[in-house]
Amino acid sequence: MDLTGKTALITGASRGIGAAAARAFADAGANVVLLARSTDAVARIAGEIGAKAVAMSCEVSRYWEVEQAVRNALTAFGSLDILVNNAGVIEPVSHLADADPDAWGAVIDINLKGVFHGMRAALPVMIGAGGGTILTIGSGAAHGPVEGWSHYCSSKAGALMLTRMADKENRDKGIRALSLSPGTVATQMQREIKASGINPVSQLAWEDHIPPEWVARTLVWMCSAEADGFLGDEVSLRDEGIRAKVGLA
């Protein structure tokens, strides 16, 4: 795809899927705005990308920080065309009966409220400009319970519903809202899952996980008209047909 002149804002861009997405969108010609709590990490990645990238510190659980990041993106590049809701956490993995309420809630604040905050801040800008694409990293955990993941499953199920709501309320305003369920990805999150030793996912070997670059390439593909059949729905990278469309091995 040629995304020259477009601007993509990516949350959780300091590593893993977010960092790979920043590079993939920049390679497709887009300006990229990298958001993360870790300022040094996103600044380094933005520096590697060059003039088409800016890095900003942002805690997605705080709406005012996300709203300011959107304003800063407009100041830097003049538009906001693509939002990638990627920021997410899974720690602490724990059984529901033992979960720390504050820690459980903190995951909801990032994984669910953070997605809402991104959509809420971006939608008025995109609608005013005549349209835009909102991509959210989902999970198979949105569709069924996984031991030790009550916070994660709940947040991902909620995030998928936010995608469906964004589509239902705004498709006629030019908004393309889609979710991506990537399967298991070779990122730091999988190391944390492995260390927990809880549930079958923690037993997977490292080579069972797909590289984050596959997810990034799929996110770029989802900005194309070829993905319009998934508006308001979920693209699954477990689907060999999707992998073929994206050009993945």
Protein backbone atom coordinates (compact mmCIF):
# COMPACT_ATOMS: atom_id res chain seq x y z
CA MET A 1 0.00 0.00 0.00
CA ASP A 2 0.98 3.59 -0.53
CA LEU A 3 0.07 5.60 2.57
CA THR A 4 2.03 8.69 1.58
CA GLY A 5 0.50 11.78 3.18
CA LYS A 6 -1.42 9.77 5.78
CA THR A 7 -0.70 9.92 9.50
CA ALA A 8 -0.91 6.88 11.78
CA LEU A 9 -0.96 7.14 15.57
CA ILE A 10 0.15 3.95 17.32
CA THR A 11 -0.20 3.26 21.04
CA GLY A 12 2.15 0.94 22.90
CA ALA A 13 4.78 1.64 20.26
CA SER A 14 7.91 1.10 22.36
CA ARG A 15 8.32 -2.60 21.51
CA GLY A 16 6.73 -5.69 20.00
CA ILE A 17 3.72 -5.20 17.74
CA GLY A 18 3.64 -1.42 18.25
CA ALA A 19 7.26 -0.90 17.26
CA ALA A 20 6.90 -3.21 14.25
CA ALA A 21 3.72 -1.38 13.22
CA ALA A 22 5.46 2.00 13.39
CA ARG A 23 8.16 0.76 11.03
CA ALA A 24 5.65 -0.92 8.68
CA PHE A 25 3.45 2.16 8.36
CA ALA A 26 6.50 4.36 7.80
CA ASP A 27 7.73 1.94 5.13
CA ALA A 28 4.32 2.33 3.45
CA GLY A 29 4.88 6.08 3.31
CA ALA A 30 2.84 7.22 6.32
CA ASN A 31 3.84 9.69 8.98
CA VAL A 32 3.85 7.88 12.31
CA VAL A 33 3.18 9.08 15.84
CA LEU A 34 4.59 6.68 18.43
CA LEU A 35 2.97 6.68 21.88
CA ALA A 36 4.18 4.79 24.94
CA ARG A 37 4.89 5.24 28.61
CA SER A 38 8.55 4.51 27.89
CA THR A 39 9.69 7.78 26.32
CA ASP A 40 13.28 6.69 25.68
CA ALA A 41 12.26 3.57 23.76
CA VAL A 42 9.81 5.33 21.41
CA ALA A 43 12.25 8.20 20.90
CA ARG A 44 14.90 5.71 19.79
CA ILE A 45 12.52 4.02 17.34
CA ALA A 46 11.32 7.37 15.98
CA GLY A 47 14.94 8.39 15.51
CA GLU A 48 15.59 5.24 13.51
CA ILE A 49 12.58 5.92 11.28
CA GLY A 50 13.51 9.54 10.67
CA ALA A 51 11.64 12.73 9.85
CA LYS A 52 8.32 10.94 9.26
CA ALA A 53 8.13 9.88 12.92
CA VAL A 54 7.56 11.62 16.23
CA ALA A 55 7.55 10.07 19.70
CA MET A 56 5.39 11.11 22.61
CA SER A 57 4.97 9.97 26.20
CA CYS A 58 1.38 8.88 26.81
CA GLU A 59 -0.47 6.85 29.43
CA VAL A 60 -3.52 5.55 27.55
CA SER A 61 -5.47 5.01 30.76
CA ARG A 62 -5.61 8.82 31.14
CA TYR A 63 -7.94 10.35 28.57
CA TRP A 64 -6.44 13.81 28.70
CA GLU A 65 -3.04 12.43 27.73
CA VAL A 66 -4.49 10.63 24.71
CA GLU A 67 -6.46 13.70 23.71
CA GLN A 68 -3.30 15.82 23.91
CA ALA A 69 -1.39 13.25 21.85
CA VAL A 70 -4.01 13.57 19.11
CA ARG A 71 -3.64 17.36 19.19
CA ASN A 72 0.13 16.98 18.99
CA ALA A 73 -0.21 14.64 16.01
CA LEU A 74 -2.28 17.24 14.20
CA THR A 75 0.31 19.90 14.99
CA ALA A 76 3.14 17.70 13.76
CA PHE A 77 1.59 16.36 10.57
CA GLY A 78 -1.71 18.14 9.95
CA SER A 79 -3.98 15.08 9.95
CA LEU A 80 -4.89 11.89 11.75
CA ASP A 81 -5.93 9.18 9.34
CA ILE A 82 -5.18 5.91 11.15
CA LEU A 83 -5.33 4.95 14.82
CA VAL A 84 -3.77 1.69 15.99
CA ASN A 85 -5.01 0.77 19.47
CA ASN A 86 -2.19 -1.57 20.42
CA ALA A 87 -1.26 -0.77 24.04
CA GLY A 88 -2.08 -3.72 26.28
CA VAL A 89 -0.90 -5.67 29.30
CA ILE A 90 -1.58 -9.08 30.81
CA GLU A 91 0.23 -8.97 34.15
CA PRO A 92 -0.61 -9.97 36.78
CA VAL A 93 -1.86 -13.37 35.62
CA SER A 94 -3.90 -14.80 38.49
CA HIS A 95 -6.96 -16.85 39.31
CA LEU A 96 -10.12 -14.84 39.82
CA ALA A 97 -10.44 -15.83 43.49
CA ASP A 98 -6.90 -14.57 44.19
CA ALA A 99 -6.80 -11.49 41.94
CA ASP A 100 -5.75 -8.17 43.42
CA PRO A 101 -8.68 -5.82 42.70
CA ASP A 102 -6.51 -2.78 42.02
CA ALA A 103 -4.16 -4.67 39.69
CA TRP A 104 -7.14 -6.27 37.92
CA GLY A 105 -8.67 -2.84 37.41
CA ALA A 106 -5.41 -1.39 36.11
CA VAL A 107 -5.46 -3.92 33.25
CA ILE A 108 -9.01 -2.84 32.38
CA ASP A 109 -7.86 0.79 32.46
CA ILE A 110 -5.20 0.10 29.82
CA ASN A 111 -6.70 -2.65 27.67
CA LEU A 112 -10.31 -1.45 27.56
CA LYS A 113 -10.50 2.16 28.67
CA GLY A 114 -7.32 2.88 26.73
CA VAL A 115 -9.05 1.70 23.54
CA PHE A 116 -12.07 3.85 24.33
CA HIS A 117 -9.83 6.84 25.01
CA GLY A 118 -8.12 6.40 21.64
CA MET A 119 -11.42 6.15 19.81
CA ARG A 120 -12.98 9.03 21.71
CA ALA A 121 -10.05 11.34 20.99
CA ALA A 122 -9.65 10.34 17.33
CA LEU A 123 -13.25 10.03 16.15
CA PRO A 124 -14.20 13.74 16.15
CA VAL A 125 -11.02 14.56 14.21
CA MET A 126 -11.55 11.78 11.68
CA ILE A 127 -15.25 12.50 11.24
CA GLY A 128 -14.47 16.18 10.71
CA ALA A 129 -11.96 15.23 8.02
CA GLY A 130 -14.41 12.92 6.25
CA GLY A 131 -13.13 9.57 7.47
CA GLY A 132 -10.35 7.46 8.93
CA THR A 133 -9.36 3.97 9.99
CA ILE A 134 -9.38 2.68 13.58
CA LEU A 135 -7.56 -0.62 14.13
CA THR A 136 -7.57 -2.39 17.49
CA ILE A 137 -5.41 -5.34 18.50
CA GLY A 138 -7.81 -8.01 19.69
CA SER A 139 -7.37 -11.58 20.85
CA GLY A 140 -8.92 -15.00 20.75
CA ALA A 141 -9.33 -14.37 24.49
CA ALA A 142 -12.26 -12.11 23.57
CA HIS A 143 -14.28 -15.20 22.66
CA GLY A 144 -13.72 -17.61 25.51
CA PRO A 145 -12.34 -17.98 29.04
CA VAL A 146 -8.66 -18.70 29.57
CA GLU A 147 -7.48 -19.76 33.02
CA GLY A 148 -5.79 -16.93 34.91
CA TRP A 149 -6.84 -14.31 32.37
CA SER A 150 -10.15 -12.98 33.70
CA HIS A 151 -8.90 -9.40 33.32
CA TYR A 152 -7.46 -9.96 29.85
CA CYS A 153 -10.41 -11.91 28.46
CA SER A 154 -12.86 -9.33 29.82
CA SER A 155 -10.89 -6.40 28.44
CA LYS A 156 -10.46 -7.93 24.99
CA ALA A 157 -14.14 -8.85 24.77
CA GLY A 158 -15.00 -5.26 25.66
CA ALA A 159 -12.53 -3.88 23.15
CA LEU A 160 -14.10 -5.95 20.37
CA MET A 161 -17.49 -4.52 21.28
CA LEU A 162 -16.01 -1.01 21.08
CA THR A 163 -14.89 -1.80 17.52
CA ARG A 164 -18.41 -2.92 16.68
CA MET A 165 -19.88 0.20 18.26
CA ALA A 166 -17.47 2.50 16.43
CA ASP A 167 -18.51 0.86 13.18
CA LYS A 168 -22.25 0.88 13.89
CA GLU A 169 -22.31 4.54 14.85
CA ASN A 170 -19.78 5.92 12.38
CA ARG A 171 -19.43 3.83 9.22
CA ASP A 172 -21.71 6.24 7.37
CA LYS A 173 -19.35 9.05 8.41
CA GLY A 174 -16.38 7.43 6.68
CA ILE A 175 -14.98 5.55 9.67
CA ARG A 176 -13.45 2.13 9.08
CA ALA A 177 -13.25 0.26 12.42
CA LEU A 178 -11.70 -3.21 12.51
CA SER A 179 -10.15 -5.53 15.07
CA LEU A 180 -7.18 -7.85 14.51
CA SER A 181 -6.84 -11.12 16.40
CA PRO A 182 -3.21 -12.07 15.72
CA GLY A 183 -2.91 -15.32 17.65
CA THR A 184 0.16 -15.71 19.82
CA VAL A 185 2.99 -13.32 18.94
CA ALA A 186 6.68 -13.46 19.89
CA THR A 187 6.70 -10.44 22.23
CA GLN A 188 7.48 -9.66 25.86
CA MET A 189 3.88 -10.47 26.75
CA GLN A 190 4.46 -14.09 25.75
CA ARG A 191 7.49 -14.22 28.03
CA GLU A 192 5.28 -13.05 30.90
CA ILE A 193 2.65 -15.65 30.02
CA LYS A 194 5.36 -18.33 29.89
CA ALA A 195 6.65 -17.32 33.32
CA SER A 196 3.17 -17.61 34.85
CA GLY A 197 2.97 -21.33 34.10
CA ILE A 198 -0.83 -21.04 34.08
CA ASN A 199 -3.00 -22.42 31.21
CA PRO A 200 -1.96 -24.11 27.96
CA VAL A 201 -0.74 -20.90 26.32
CA SER A 202 2.12 -20.74 28.84
CA GLN A 203 3.25 -24.17 27.65
CA LEU A 204 3.80 -23.12 24.03
CA ALA A 205 7.33 -23.12 22.66
CA TRP A 206 8.78 -19.81 21.45
CA GLU A 207 8.81 -21.02 17.84
CA ASP A 208 5.03 -21.53 18.03
CA HIS A 209 4.52 -17.75 18.07
CA ILE A 210 4.37 -15.60 14.95
CA PRO A 211 6.73 -12.61 14.58
CA PRO A 212 5.35 -9.12 15.32
CA GLU A 213 6.25 -8.08 11.77
CA TRP A 214 3.46 -10.34 10.48
CA VAL A 215 0.98 -8.44 12.63
CA ALA A 216 2.35 -5.11 11.44
CA ARG A 217 2.03 -6.05 7.78
CA THR A 218 -1.54 -7.16 8.39
CA LEU A 219 -2.40 -3.84 10.04
CA VAL A 220 -1.17 -2.00 6.95
CA TRP A 221 -3.24 -4.33 4.74
CA MET A 222 -6.30 -3.62 6.88
CA CYS A 223 -6.11 0.02 5.75
CA SER A 224 -6.90 -1.11 2.21
CA ALA A 225 -10.30 -1.58 0.57
CA GLU A 226 -9.51 -5.30 0.42
CA ALA A 227 -10.29 -5.48 4.15
CA ASP A 228 -13.64 -3.67 3.89
CA GLY A 229 -15.52 -6.94 4.28
CA PHE A 230 -14.30 -6.98 7.90
CA LEU A 231 -15.58 -3.55 8.91
CA GLY A 232 -17.01 -3.71 12.42
CA ASP A 233 -15.58 -7.21 12.77
CA GLU A 234 -12.38 -9.11 13.42
CA VAL A 235 -9.59 -10.22 11.13
CA SER A 236 -7.89 -13.39 12.38
CA LEU A 237 -4.27 -14.12 11.53
CA ARG A 238 -4.93 -17.77 12.31
CA ASP A 239 -6.84 -17.81 9.01
CA GLU A 240 -4.57 -19.10 6.24
CA GLY A 241 -6.67 -17.18 3.72
CA ILE A 242 -5.89 -13.90 5.46
CA ARG A 243 -2.21 -14.77 5.60
CA ALA A 244 -2.27 -15.40 1.85
CA LYS A 245 -3.97 -12.06 1.18
CA VAL A 246 -1.36 -10.24 3.25
CA GLY A 247 1.47 -12.18 1.59
CA LEU A 248 2.72 -13.95 4.70
CA ALA A 249 4.51 -17.30 4.65
